[in-house]
N, C-alpha and C. Protein backbone atom coordinates (compact mmCIF):
# COMPACT_ATOMS: atom_id res chain seq x y z
N MET A 1 80.41 100.22 93.14
CA MET A 1 80.65 100.35 91.88
C MET A 1 80.66 99.23 90.88
N GLU A 2 80.24 99.40 89.86
CA GLU A 2 80.09 98.24 88.79
C GLU A 2 80.48 98.66 87.36
N PHE A 3 81.31 97.82 86.88
CA PHE A 3 81.74 98.12 85.33
C PHE A 3 82.13 96.92 84.73
N GLN A 4 82.26 96.77 83.50
CA GLN A 4 82.65 95.62 82.67
C GLN A 4 83.86 95.83 82.20
N ILE A 5 84.71 94.72 82.20
CA ILE A 5 85.93 94.59 81.59
C ILE A 5 85.87 93.19 80.62
N GLY A 6 86.02 93.47 79.40
CA GLY A 6 85.87 92.31 78.42
C GLY A 6 84.32 91.65 78.70
N ASN A 7 84.39 90.20 78.98
CA ASN A 7 83.16 89.76 79.25
C ASN A 7 82.91 89.58 80.77
N LYS A 8 83.74 90.03 81.48
CA LYS A 8 83.61 89.95 83.15
C LYS A 8 83.02 91.29 83.70
N LYS A 9 82.03 90.93 84.61
CA LYS A 9 81.50 92.12 85.33
C LYS A 9 82.06 92.32 86.75
N ILE A 10 82.50 93.42 86.90
CA ILE A 10 83.36 93.69 88.06
C ILE A 10 82.62 94.59 89.07
N THR A 11 82.38 94.17 90.39
CA THR A 11 81.83 94.96 91.37
C THR A 11 82.64 95.01 92.50
N VAL A 12 82.89 96.47 92.75
CA VAL A 12 83.68 96.89 93.72
C VAL A 12 83.04 97.26 95.01
N TYR A 13 83.51 96.57 96.18
CA TYR A 13 82.95 97.09 97.56
C TYR A 13 84.19 97.62 98.20
N GLU A 14 84.29 98.93 98.33
CA GLU A 14 85.41 99.62 98.70
C GLU A 14 85.48 99.95 100.19
N GLY A 15 86.67 99.49 100.81
CA GLY A 15 86.86 99.84 102.25
C GLY A 15 87.60 100.97 102.37
N LYS A 16 87.21 101.77 103.57
CA LYS A 16 87.93 103.00 103.62
C LYS A 16 89.31 103.01 104.06
N ASN A 17 90.34 103.75 103.34
CA ASN A 17 91.74 103.89 103.51
C ASN A 17 92.36 102.66 103.35
N SER A 18 91.84 101.79 102.52
CA SER A 18 92.50 100.40 102.59
C SER A 18 93.42 100.23 101.22
N ASP A 19 94.66 99.70 101.58
CA ASP A 19 95.64 99.43 100.55
C ASP A 19 95.55 98.04 100.26
N ILE A 20 94.64 97.15 100.66
CA ILE A 20 94.49 95.73 100.54
C ILE A 20 93.33 95.48 99.55
N ALA A 21 93.63 94.70 98.64
CA ALA A 21 92.46 94.35 97.64
C ALA A 21 92.27 92.74 97.79
N VAL A 22 90.93 92.36 97.79
CA VAL A 22 90.52 90.96 97.80
C VAL A 22 89.91 90.76 96.60
N PHE A 23 90.46 89.99 95.66
CA PHE A 23 89.77 89.53 94.29
C PHE A 23 89.25 88.32 94.39
N MET A 24 87.89 88.22 94.14
CA MET A 24 87.08 87.00 94.41
C MET A 24 86.25 86.76 93.05
N ASN A 25 86.51 85.47 92.48
CA ASN A 25 85.84 84.99 91.47
C ASN A 25 84.54 84.53 91.73
N SER A 26 83.45 85.23 91.71
CA SER A 26 82.08 84.96 92.34
C SER A 26 81.05 85.85 91.57
N ASP A 27 79.95 85.95 92.05
CA ASP A 27 78.86 86.70 91.41
C ASP A 27 78.71 88.02 92.23
N HIS A 28 77.86 88.78 91.77
CA HIS A 28 77.46 90.11 92.33
C HIS A 28 76.87 89.84 93.78
N ALA A 29 75.85 88.97 93.80
CA ALA A 29 75.08 88.78 95.01
C ALA A 29 76.06 88.26 96.11
N GLU A 30 76.87 87.14 95.72
CA GLU A 30 77.69 86.56 96.62
C GLU A 30 78.72 87.64 97.21
N GLY A 31 79.21 88.46 96.44
CA GLY A 31 80.17 89.59 96.77
C GLY A 31 79.61 90.40 97.86
N ALA A 32 78.38 90.88 97.56
CA ALA A 32 77.58 91.63 98.75
C ALA A 32 77.63 90.92 100.02
N GLU A 33 77.23 89.73 99.85
CA GLU A 33 77.05 89.08 101.29
C GLU A 33 78.39 88.81 101.75
N VAL A 34 79.45 88.48 101.18
CA VAL A 34 80.57 88.25 101.87
C VAL A 34 81.28 89.42 102.35
N PHE A 35 81.06 90.72 101.70
CA PHE A 35 81.55 91.83 102.32
C PHE A 35 80.77 92.23 103.51
N ASN A 36 79.44 92.06 103.52
CA ASN A 36 78.80 92.29 104.78
C ASN A 36 79.16 91.31 105.90
N GLU A 37 79.53 90.22 105.50
CA GLU A 37 79.95 89.27 106.67
C GLU A 37 81.21 89.63 107.24
N CYS A 38 81.97 90.39 106.46
CA CYS A 38 83.33 90.72 106.89
C CYS A 38 83.36 92.20 107.45
N GLU A 39 82.18 92.74 107.95
CA GLU A 39 82.13 94.09 108.48
C GLU A 39 82.82 94.26 109.91
N ASN A 40 82.99 93.08 110.53
CA ASN A 40 83.86 93.19 111.72
C ASN A 40 85.24 92.80 111.66
N CYS A 41 85.72 92.71 110.47
CA CYS A 41 87.11 92.51 110.27
C CYS A 41 87.87 93.65 110.91
N ASP A 42 89.13 93.35 111.55
CA ASP A 42 89.91 94.33 112.23
C ASP A 42 90.60 95.21 111.18
N LYS A 43 90.75 94.78 110.02
CA LYS A 43 91.57 95.50 109.04
C LYS A 43 90.66 95.85 107.79
N PRO A 44 90.68 97.18 107.22
CA PRO A 44 89.88 97.52 106.02
C PRO A 44 90.50 96.79 104.97
N PHE A 45 89.49 96.49 104.04
CA PHE A 45 90.10 95.95 102.64
C PHE A 45 89.07 96.39 101.55
N THR A 46 89.40 96.26 100.30
CA THR A 46 88.37 96.44 99.23
C THR A 46 88.28 95.03 98.68
N LEU A 47 86.90 94.67 98.47
CA LEU A 47 86.37 93.56 97.87
C LEU A 47 86.13 93.56 96.28
N ILE A 48 86.67 92.89 95.61
CA ILE A 48 86.41 93.08 94.22
C ILE A 48 85.79 91.66 93.75
N ALA A 49 84.49 91.67 93.30
CA ALA A 49 83.89 90.34 92.88
C ALA A 49 83.88 90.43 91.31
N ILE A 50 84.49 89.25 90.67
CA ILE A 50 84.46 89.09 89.30
C ILE A 50 83.45 88.04 88.83
N ASP A 51 82.51 88.62 88.11
CA ASP A 51 81.46 87.57 87.56
C ASP A 51 81.60 87.31 86.12
N GLY A 52 80.84 86.43 85.54
CA GLY A 52 80.95 86.05 84.27
C GLY A 52 82.05 85.01 84.03
N ILE A 53 82.37 84.22 85.01
CA ILE A 53 83.37 83.00 85.05
C ILE A 53 82.83 81.80 84.17
N ASP A 54 83.61 81.33 83.31
CA ASP A 54 83.20 79.91 82.81
C ASP A 54 83.89 78.98 83.96
N TRP A 55 82.79 78.43 84.77
CA TRP A 55 83.43 77.75 85.97
C TRP A 55 84.25 76.56 85.68
N ASN A 56 83.95 75.78 84.70
CA ASN A 56 84.58 74.51 84.45
C ASN A 56 85.83 74.91 83.31
N GLY A 57 85.85 75.98 82.83
CA GLY A 57 86.88 76.25 81.96
C GLY A 57 87.89 77.23 82.61
N ASP A 58 87.52 78.34 82.95
CA ASP A 58 88.39 79.40 83.50
C ASP A 58 89.24 78.95 84.74
N LEU A 59 88.55 78.21 85.49
CA LEU A 59 89.07 77.92 86.85
C LEU A 59 89.80 76.49 86.82
N SER A 60 89.80 75.77 85.69
CA SER A 60 90.40 74.50 85.89
C SER A 60 91.89 74.45 85.35
N PRO A 61 92.91 74.03 86.06
CA PRO A 61 94.40 74.05 85.55
C PRO A 61 94.67 73.23 84.28
N TRP A 62 93.99 72.15 84.01
CA TRP A 62 94.13 71.47 82.84
C TRP A 62 92.89 70.60 82.67
N MET A 63 92.81 69.87 81.45
CA MET A 63 91.61 69.26 81.07
C MET A 63 91.40 67.97 81.86
N ALA A 64 90.30 67.76 82.32
CA ALA A 64 89.89 66.46 82.98
C ALA A 64 88.46 66.06 82.73
N ASP A 65 88.03 64.84 82.94
CA ASP A 65 86.83 64.28 82.59
C ASP A 65 85.84 64.80 83.68
N ALA A 66 84.48 64.87 83.29
CA ALA A 66 83.41 65.23 84.27
C ALA A 66 83.55 64.15 85.28
N ILE A 67 83.07 64.66 86.49
CA ILE A 67 83.04 63.81 87.52
C ILE A 67 81.73 63.23 87.96
N PHE A 68 80.85 63.76 87.27
CA PHE A 68 79.38 63.29 87.34
C PHE A 68 78.84 62.73 86.06
N PRO A 69 78.00 61.77 86.03
CA PRO A 69 77.55 61.14 84.75
C PRO A 69 76.90 62.10 83.77
N LYS A 70 76.26 63.34 84.42
CA LYS A 70 75.57 64.26 83.42
C LYS A 70 76.35 65.60 83.49
N GLY A 71 77.51 65.57 84.17
CA GLY A 71 78.24 66.73 84.33
C GLY A 71 79.06 67.15 83.07
N GLU A 72 79.71 68.52 83.10
CA GLU A 72 80.35 69.01 82.00
C GLU A 72 81.87 68.61 82.35
N PRO A 73 82.74 68.35 81.22
CA PRO A 73 84.19 68.17 81.50
C PRO A 73 84.93 69.47 81.78
N PHE A 74 85.97 69.39 82.32
CA PHE A 74 86.82 70.57 82.60
C PHE A 74 87.75 70.77 81.42
N THR A 75 87.78 72.08 81.03
CA THR A 75 88.57 72.23 79.84
C THR A 75 89.88 73.09 79.93
N GLY A 76 90.25 73.20 81.20
CA GLY A 76 91.68 73.74 81.38
C GLY A 76 92.08 75.05 80.87
N GLY A 77 91.11 75.98 81.32
CA GLY A 77 91.53 77.25 80.89
C GLY A 77 92.17 78.32 81.72
N ALA A 78 92.69 77.64 83.08
CA ALA A 78 93.17 78.57 83.98
C ALA A 78 94.27 79.33 83.66
N ASP A 79 95.10 78.88 82.92
CA ASP A 79 96.46 79.76 82.58
C ASP A 79 95.97 80.89 81.83
N ALA A 80 95.05 80.72 80.81
CA ALA A 80 94.67 81.81 79.97
C ALA A 80 93.87 82.80 80.98
N TYR A 81 92.98 82.40 81.80
CA TYR A 81 92.27 83.31 82.74
C TYR A 81 93.12 84.09 83.69
N LEU A 82 94.20 83.37 84.14
CA LEU A 82 95.11 84.08 85.07
C LEU A 82 96.01 85.11 84.35
N ALA A 83 96.18 84.86 83.20
CA ALA A 83 96.86 85.80 82.40
C ALA A 83 95.97 87.14 82.19
N GLU A 84 94.74 86.89 81.86
CA GLU A 84 93.72 87.84 81.65
C GLU A 84 93.53 88.65 82.94
N LEU A 85 93.54 87.82 84.03
CA LEU A 85 93.29 88.59 85.32
C LEU A 85 94.29 89.43 85.80
N THR A 86 95.65 88.86 85.64
CA THR A 86 96.79 89.68 86.23
C THR A 86 97.16 90.82 85.16
N MET A 87 97.08 90.75 83.94
CA MET A 87 97.59 91.63 82.95
C MET A 87 96.58 92.48 82.45
N GLU A 88 95.32 92.25 82.52
CA GLU A 88 94.28 93.04 81.97
C GLU A 88 93.34 93.44 83.09
N ILE A 89 92.74 92.54 83.74
CA ILE A 89 91.59 93.10 84.55
C ILE A 89 92.03 93.79 85.87
N ILE A 90 93.12 93.31 86.47
CA ILE A 90 93.50 93.99 87.66
C ILE A 90 94.06 95.32 87.37
N PRO A 91 94.87 95.51 86.40
CA PRO A 91 95.35 96.83 85.97
C PRO A 91 94.39 97.75 85.78
N GLN A 92 93.39 97.33 84.87
CA GLN A 92 92.25 98.23 84.56
C GLN A 92 91.41 98.56 85.66
N ILE A 93 91.18 97.62 86.66
CA ILE A 93 90.38 98.05 88.11
C ILE A 93 91.26 99.07 88.67
N GLU A 94 92.50 98.92 88.90
CA GLU A 94 93.35 99.86 89.68
C GLU A 94 93.30 101.27 88.82
N GLU A 95 93.18 101.24 87.60
CA GLU A 95 93.28 102.51 86.78
C GLU A 95 91.77 103.15 87.02
N LYS A 96 90.86 102.43 87.06
CA LYS A 96 89.46 103.02 87.11
C LYS A 96 89.14 103.55 88.72
N LEU A 97 89.80 102.89 89.64
CA LEU A 97 89.91 103.18 91.05
C LEU A 97 90.87 104.32 91.39
N LYS A 98 91.88 104.71 90.40
CA LYS A 98 92.86 105.65 90.56
C LYS A 98 93.53 105.20 91.91
N LYS A 99 93.99 104.02 91.88
CA LYS A 99 94.65 103.33 93.10
C LYS A 99 95.36 102.08 92.69
N THR A 100 96.61 102.10 93.39
CA THR A 100 97.44 100.89 93.28
C THR A 100 97.44 100.07 94.67
N PHE A 101 96.91 98.90 94.83
CA PHE A 101 96.89 98.29 95.99
C PHE A 101 98.20 97.60 96.26
N SER A 102 98.68 97.86 97.38
CA SER A 102 99.99 97.26 97.70
C SER A 102 100.13 95.85 98.11
N LYS A 103 98.85 95.31 98.65
CA LYS A 103 98.68 93.97 98.97
C LYS A 103 97.44 93.45 98.08
N LYS A 104 97.56 92.21 97.56
CA LYS A 104 96.42 91.53 96.82
C LYS A 104 96.33 90.24 97.34
N ILE A 105 94.96 89.93 97.42
CA ILE A 105 94.67 88.55 97.82
C ILE A 105 93.74 87.83 96.94
N LEU A 106 93.87 86.59 96.48
CA LEU A 106 92.98 85.96 95.68
C LEU A 106 92.20 85.00 96.35
N ALA A 107 90.87 85.03 96.37
CA ALA A 107 89.92 84.35 97.19
C ALA A 107 88.93 83.47 96.17
N GLY A 108 88.55 82.35 96.83
CA GLY A 108 87.54 81.57 96.09
C GLY A 108 86.98 80.47 96.86
N TYR A 109 85.97 79.88 96.28
CA TYR A 109 85.30 78.80 97.04
C TYR A 109 85.02 77.74 95.89
N SER A 110 85.22 76.50 96.27
CA SER A 110 85.08 75.43 95.54
C SER A 110 86.22 75.46 94.26
N LEU A 111 85.75 75.34 93.08
CA LEU A 111 86.63 75.45 92.01
C LEU A 111 87.51 76.87 92.05
N ALA A 112 86.87 77.70 92.50
CA ALA A 112 87.56 79.14 92.52
C ALA A 112 88.65 79.02 93.69
N GLY A 113 88.39 78.38 94.59
CA GLY A 113 89.50 78.09 95.61
C GLY A 113 90.55 77.32 95.23
N LEU A 114 90.30 76.24 94.28
CA LEU A 114 91.41 75.56 93.60
C LEU A 114 92.18 76.52 92.61
N PHE A 115 91.49 77.36 91.81
CA PHE A 115 92.17 78.41 91.02
C PHE A 115 93.02 79.32 91.90
N ALA A 116 92.43 79.74 92.95
CA ALA A 116 93.39 80.68 93.72
C ALA A 116 94.68 80.02 94.24
N LEU A 117 94.57 78.82 94.62
CA LEU A 117 95.82 78.06 95.11
C LEU A 117 96.60 77.86 93.75
N TYR A 118 96.03 77.48 92.81
CA TYR A 118 96.85 77.16 91.52
C TYR A 118 97.72 78.41 91.05
N SER A 119 96.92 79.57 91.22
CA SER A 119 97.63 80.79 90.74
C SER A 119 98.94 81.27 91.27
N VAL A 120 99.22 80.78 92.68
CA VAL A 120 100.27 81.36 93.24
C VAL A 120 101.74 80.35 92.75
N TYR A 121 101.21 79.52 92.04
CA TYR A 121 102.42 78.62 91.36
C TYR A 121 102.78 79.25 90.14
N ASN A 122 102.11 80.25 89.59
CA ASN A 122 102.18 80.62 88.31
C ASN A 122 102.37 82.16 88.09
N THR A 123 102.22 82.90 89.32
CA THR A 123 102.34 84.34 89.18
C THR A 123 102.78 85.03 90.66
N ASP A 124 103.30 86.05 90.39
CA ASP A 124 103.89 86.64 91.70
C ASP A 124 102.95 87.88 92.14
N ALA A 125 101.70 87.85 91.56
CA ALA A 125 100.57 89.07 91.67
C ALA A 125 100.03 89.12 93.18
N PHE A 126 100.04 87.96 93.98
CA PHE A 126 99.20 87.91 95.11
C PHE A 126 100.17 87.52 96.20
N GLN A 127 99.80 88.30 97.31
CA GLN A 127 100.53 87.95 98.66
C GLN A 127 99.60 87.07 99.59
N GLY A 128 98.32 86.91 99.35
CA GLY A 128 97.55 85.84 100.11
C GLY A 128 96.64 85.08 99.31
N VAL A 129 96.21 84.01 99.84
CA VAL A 129 95.26 83.11 99.05
C VAL A 129 94.14 82.69 100.19
N VAL A 130 93.01 82.64 99.60
CA VAL A 130 91.75 82.01 100.47
C VAL A 130 91.41 80.95 99.53
N SER A 131 91.61 79.56 99.87
CA SER A 131 90.87 78.49 99.51
C SER A 131 89.91 77.96 100.30
N ALA A 132 88.66 78.32 100.17
CA ALA A 132 87.50 77.98 101.05
C ALA A 132 86.96 76.68 100.47
N SER A 133 86.93 75.60 101.05
CA SER A 133 86.39 74.48 100.39
C SER A 133 86.75 74.25 99.15
N GLY A 134 88.01 74.41 98.76
CA GLY A 134 88.66 74.39 97.48
C GLY A 134 88.45 72.92 96.90
N SER A 135 88.44 72.85 95.60
CA SER A 135 88.31 71.58 94.94
C SER A 135 89.51 70.90 94.82
N LEU A 136 90.26 70.41 95.91
CA LEU A 136 91.84 70.16 95.89
C LEU A 136 91.75 68.59 95.68
N TRP A 137 90.55 67.88 95.24
CA TRP A 137 90.40 66.68 94.85
C TRP A 137 90.76 66.53 93.36
N TYR A 138 91.04 67.80 92.84
CA TYR A 138 91.06 67.80 91.27
C TYR A 138 92.25 66.84 90.73
N PRO A 139 91.98 66.08 89.73
CA PRO A 139 92.82 65.07 89.19
C PRO A 139 94.19 65.69 88.96
N GLN A 140 95.31 65.04 89.63
CA GLN A 140 96.78 65.45 89.42
C GLN A 140 97.08 66.73 90.17
N PHE A 141 96.28 67.35 90.86
CA PHE A 141 96.66 68.57 91.47
C PHE A 141 97.60 68.46 92.64
N LEU A 142 97.44 67.41 93.37
CA LEU A 142 98.37 67.07 94.49
C LEU A 142 99.78 66.84 93.98
N GLU A 143 99.82 66.15 92.95
CA GLU A 143 101.13 65.75 92.30
C GLU A 143 101.78 67.10 91.71
N TYR A 144 100.81 68.07 91.16
CA TYR A 144 101.35 69.21 90.74
C TYR A 144 102.25 70.11 91.83
N THR A 145 101.40 70.12 92.91
CA THR A 145 101.81 70.99 94.11
C THR A 145 103.22 70.36 94.58
N LYS A 146 103.46 69.13 94.47
CA LYS A 146 104.62 68.59 95.08
C LYS A 146 105.85 68.76 93.97
N GLN A 147 105.58 69.18 92.68
CA GLN A 147 106.59 69.25 91.61
C GLN A 147 106.87 70.79 91.41
N HIS A 148 106.15 71.66 92.00
CA HIS A 148 106.23 73.19 91.80
C HIS A 148 106.36 73.86 93.06
N THR A 149 106.81 75.12 92.99
CA THR A 149 106.86 75.85 94.15
C THR A 149 106.04 77.31 94.04
N ILE A 150 105.52 77.63 95.05
CA ILE A 150 104.66 78.81 95.18
C ILE A 150 105.58 80.11 95.04
N SER A 151 104.98 81.13 94.58
CA SER A 151 105.69 82.43 94.49
C SER A 151 106.30 82.78 95.89
N THR A 152 107.54 83.38 95.88
CA THR A 152 107.94 84.05 97.13
C THR A 152 107.32 85.18 97.55
N GLU A 153 106.45 85.75 96.79
CA GLU A 153 105.64 86.83 97.20
C GLU A 153 104.53 86.62 98.12
N VAL A 154 104.22 85.31 98.08
CA VAL A 154 103.10 84.76 99.02
C VAL A 154 103.57 84.85 100.40
N GLN A 155 102.64 85.37 101.32
CA GLN A 155 102.82 85.53 102.55
C GLN A 155 102.02 84.51 103.55
N CYS A 156 100.71 84.38 103.05
CA CYS A 156 99.86 83.38 103.97
C CYS A 156 98.77 82.81 102.82
N VAL A 157 98.49 81.67 103.28
CA VAL A 157 97.32 80.87 102.60
C VAL A 157 96.40 80.30 103.62
N TYR A 158 95.19 80.52 103.40
CA TYR A 158 94.07 79.96 104.22
C TYR A 158 93.41 78.84 103.55
N PHE A 159 93.37 77.77 104.26
CA PHE A 159 92.51 76.50 103.76
C PHE A 159 91.34 76.25 104.66
N SER A 160 90.25 75.71 104.20
CA SER A 160 89.08 75.10 104.96
C SER A 160 88.33 74.16 104.16
N LEU A 161 87.69 73.40 105.01
CA LEU A 161 86.79 72.34 104.47
C LEU A 161 85.53 72.37 105.35
N GLY A 162 84.44 71.85 104.96
CA GLY A 162 83.44 71.28 105.63
C GLY A 162 83.81 69.96 106.23
N ASP A 163 83.31 69.54 107.44
CA ASP A 163 83.74 68.47 108.04
C ASP A 163 82.97 67.22 107.66
N LYS A 164 82.13 67.48 106.63
CA LYS A 164 81.48 66.28 106.01
C LYS A 164 81.59 66.34 104.48
N GLU A 165 82.50 67.15 103.91
CA GLU A 165 82.65 67.21 102.46
C GLU A 165 83.12 65.79 101.85
N ALA A 166 83.87 65.09 102.60
CA ALA A 166 84.47 63.85 102.03
C ALA A 166 83.44 62.77 101.96
N ASN A 167 82.33 63.04 102.78
CA ASN A 167 81.29 62.02 102.92
C ASN A 167 80.28 62.14 101.65
N THR A 168 80.81 61.50 100.58
CA THR A 168 80.04 61.59 99.25
C THR A 168 80.29 60.17 98.62
N LYS A 169 79.43 59.85 97.72
CA LYS A 169 79.48 58.73 96.99
C LYS A 169 80.49 58.78 95.87
N ASN A 170 80.88 59.92 95.42
CA ASN A 170 81.77 60.31 94.25
C ASN A 170 83.20 59.82 94.76
N PRO A 171 83.82 58.89 94.21
CA PRO A 171 85.19 58.47 94.66
C PRO A 171 86.15 59.50 94.51
N ILE A 172 86.11 60.34 93.48
CA ILE A 172 87.13 61.40 93.32
C ILE A 172 87.04 62.38 94.35
N MET A 173 85.74 62.91 94.67
CA MET A 173 85.61 63.89 95.66
C MET A 173 85.77 63.42 97.09
N GLN A 174 85.71 62.10 97.21
CA GLN A 174 86.00 61.61 98.73
C GLN A 174 87.47 61.89 99.01
N LEU A 175 88.32 62.19 98.08
CA LEU A 175 89.69 62.49 98.48
C LEU A 175 89.99 63.88 98.91
N VAL A 176 88.98 64.78 98.92
CA VAL A 176 89.42 66.13 99.14
C VAL A 176 89.83 66.33 100.45
N ASP A 177 89.49 65.68 101.37
CA ASP A 177 89.92 66.04 102.81
C ASP A 177 91.48 65.55 102.91
N ILE A 178 91.73 64.32 102.57
CA ILE A 178 93.19 63.89 102.65
C ILE A 178 94.05 64.67 101.67
N ARG A 179 93.57 65.11 100.58
CA ARG A 179 94.31 65.94 99.75
C ARG A 179 94.59 67.37 100.18
N THR A 180 93.65 67.71 100.64
CA THR A 180 93.74 69.21 101.23
C THR A 180 94.64 69.16 102.40
N GLN A 181 94.59 68.13 103.26
CA GLN A 181 95.39 68.12 104.45
C GLN A 181 96.85 68.07 104.05
N GLU A 182 97.15 67.17 103.05
CA GLU A 182 98.53 66.94 102.59
C GLU A 182 99.03 68.30 101.89
N ILE A 183 98.18 68.98 101.19
CA ILE A 183 98.72 70.31 100.31
C ILE A 183 99.13 71.30 101.63
N TYR A 184 98.20 71.23 102.42
CA TYR A 184 98.22 72.31 103.53
C TYR A 184 99.63 72.06 104.29
N GLN A 185 99.91 70.84 104.72
CA GLN A 185 101.02 70.43 105.45
C GLN A 185 102.26 70.85 104.66
N ASP A 186 102.29 70.52 103.38
CA ASP A 186 103.57 70.79 102.60
C ASP A 186 103.62 72.48 102.48
N MET A 187 102.61 73.08 102.14
CA MET A 187 102.56 74.55 102.02
C MET A 187 102.93 75.21 103.34
N SER A 188 102.67 74.59 104.57
CA SER A 188 103.02 75.33 105.93
C SER A 188 104.53 75.34 105.97
N LYS A 189 105.27 74.71 105.25
CA LYS A 189 106.73 74.78 105.38
C LYS A 189 107.22 75.97 104.37
N GLN A 190 106.16 76.52 103.66
CA GLN A 190 106.74 77.64 102.63
C GLN A 190 106.23 78.94 103.13
N CYS A 191 105.09 79.03 103.77
CA CYS A 191 104.55 80.35 104.32
C CYS A 191 103.70 80.13 105.38
N LYS A 192 103.07 81.22 105.96
CA LYS A 192 102.16 81.09 106.97
C LYS A 192 100.87 80.58 106.47
N THR A 193 100.31 79.52 107.15
CA THR A 193 99.03 78.89 106.64
C THR A 193 98.19 78.51 107.79
N ILE A 194 97.02 78.30 107.61
CA ILE A 194 96.01 77.85 108.51
C ILE A 194 94.99 76.89 107.82
N PHE A 195 94.72 75.87 108.65
CA PHE A 195 93.49 75.07 108.12
C PHE A 195 92.37 74.95 109.05
N GLU A 196 91.16 75.02 108.71
CA GLU A 196 89.99 75.15 109.54
C GLU A 196 88.97 74.23 108.86
N TYR A 197 88.35 73.46 109.81
CA TYR A 197 86.95 72.65 109.39
C TYR A 197 85.87 73.58 109.85
N ASN A 198 84.96 73.57 108.99
CA ASN A 198 83.55 74.15 109.19
C ASN A 198 82.47 73.00 109.28
N ALA A 199 81.49 73.28 110.03
CA ALA A 199 80.45 72.28 110.11
C ALA A 199 79.73 72.03 108.85
N GLY A 200 79.30 70.80 108.53
CA GLY A 200 78.58 70.60 107.31
C GLY A 200 79.30 70.30 105.92
N GLY A 201 78.45 70.00 104.99
CA GLY A 201 78.95 69.64 103.58
C GLY A 201 79.55 70.78 102.82
N HIS A 202 79.61 70.43 101.49
CA HIS A 202 80.21 71.39 100.69
C HIS A 202 79.29 72.66 100.47
N PHE A 203 78.07 72.47 100.41
CA PHE A 203 77.11 73.53 99.99
C PHE A 203 76.49 74.19 101.31
N VAL A 204 77.30 74.38 102.27
CA VAL A 204 76.74 75.00 103.40
C VAL A 204 77.57 76.10 103.90
N ASP A 205 76.76 77.39 104.07
CA ASP A 205 77.34 78.65 104.47
C ASP A 205 78.62 79.02 103.76
N ASP A 206 78.43 79.06 102.43
CA ASP A 206 79.70 79.45 101.52
C ASP A 206 80.07 80.74 101.72
N THR A 207 79.09 81.76 101.80
CA THR A 207 79.68 83.07 101.93
C THR A 207 80.35 83.43 103.49
N LYS A 208 79.66 82.85 104.41
CA LYS A 208 80.39 82.84 105.83
C LYS A 208 81.93 82.13 105.86
N ARG A 209 81.89 81.05 105.13
CA ARG A 209 83.32 80.29 105.05
C ARG A 209 84.23 81.32 104.33
N LEU A 210 83.74 81.93 103.24
CA LEU A 210 84.61 82.84 102.51
C LEU A 210 85.13 83.98 103.38
N ALA A 211 84.12 84.53 103.97
CA ALA A 211 84.29 85.70 104.88
C ALA A 211 85.40 85.45 106.05
N LYS A 212 85.35 84.36 106.52
CA LYS A 212 86.05 83.92 107.58
C LYS A 212 87.42 83.69 107.19
N GLY A 213 87.75 83.20 105.94
CA GLY A 213 89.12 83.06 105.37
C GLY A 213 89.55 84.50 104.98
N ILE A 214 88.74 85.33 104.41
CA ILE A 214 89.20 86.55 104.06
C ILE A 214 89.72 87.47 105.19
N CYS A 215 88.90 87.40 106.20
CA CYS A 215 89.26 88.06 107.71
C CYS A 215 90.56 87.80 108.01
N TRP A 216 91.03 86.39 108.07
CA TRP A 216 92.17 85.90 108.62
C TRP A 216 93.34 86.39 107.77
N THR A 217 93.17 86.14 106.57
CA THR A 217 94.16 86.37 105.38
C THR A 217 94.55 87.95 105.50
N VAL A 218 93.53 88.82 105.38
CA VAL A 218 93.70 90.35 105.55
C VAL A 218 94.40 90.69 106.75
N GLN A 219 94.21 89.99 107.85
CA GLN A 219 94.80 90.28 109.05
C GLN A 219 96.38 89.98 109.12
N GLN A 220 96.80 89.06 108.16
CA GLN A 220 98.13 88.52 108.27
C GLN A 220 98.94 89.56 107.36
N LEU A 221 98.43 90.43 106.53
CA LEU A 221 99.14 91.38 105.78
C LEU A 221 99.46 92.74 106.24
């Protein structure tokens, strides 16, 4: 099922008799691949892919300079997009599906993984988070997590990284491993968590990494 909400394209991959929804900021093609990768999950769920994302805007928690010489800066639109997601997009999806999901997971890869984690410091809407190869190198994000508390609604958080992701010439992105580990350790005191390494760098098997995280998270709820 596909439909439009504002400037976002929504694609629904519906699981049978599922009251769990996984919302994933991604594109249509990746959504189909991730859902297929999850076919052996023990628990049914509905995957909802949200396309039309302004990657450096919607998913960044605050403004930050570009990390590559020819890259785009981050414009810090996460709060606005999170409000749109929780107050407009998700209610309209449930209305169209004629269904209210009792458990909701927010999943994402790279900057979408950062946004998923950032969201649970700012909303009670989600019970689970998947941050697959999340951009937790983001400037000041580690400090933010130490100064704020996640929602008490959150039951579980999945973290993963490629085992070669920190092997980069970019000095900011070199911090991804150590910062992810520290955030994971701190969050493990607040809810059920897991951290996994996957083989390779950042651009390897993204759909499989997402699917792996989604299956684990779904099974915890």
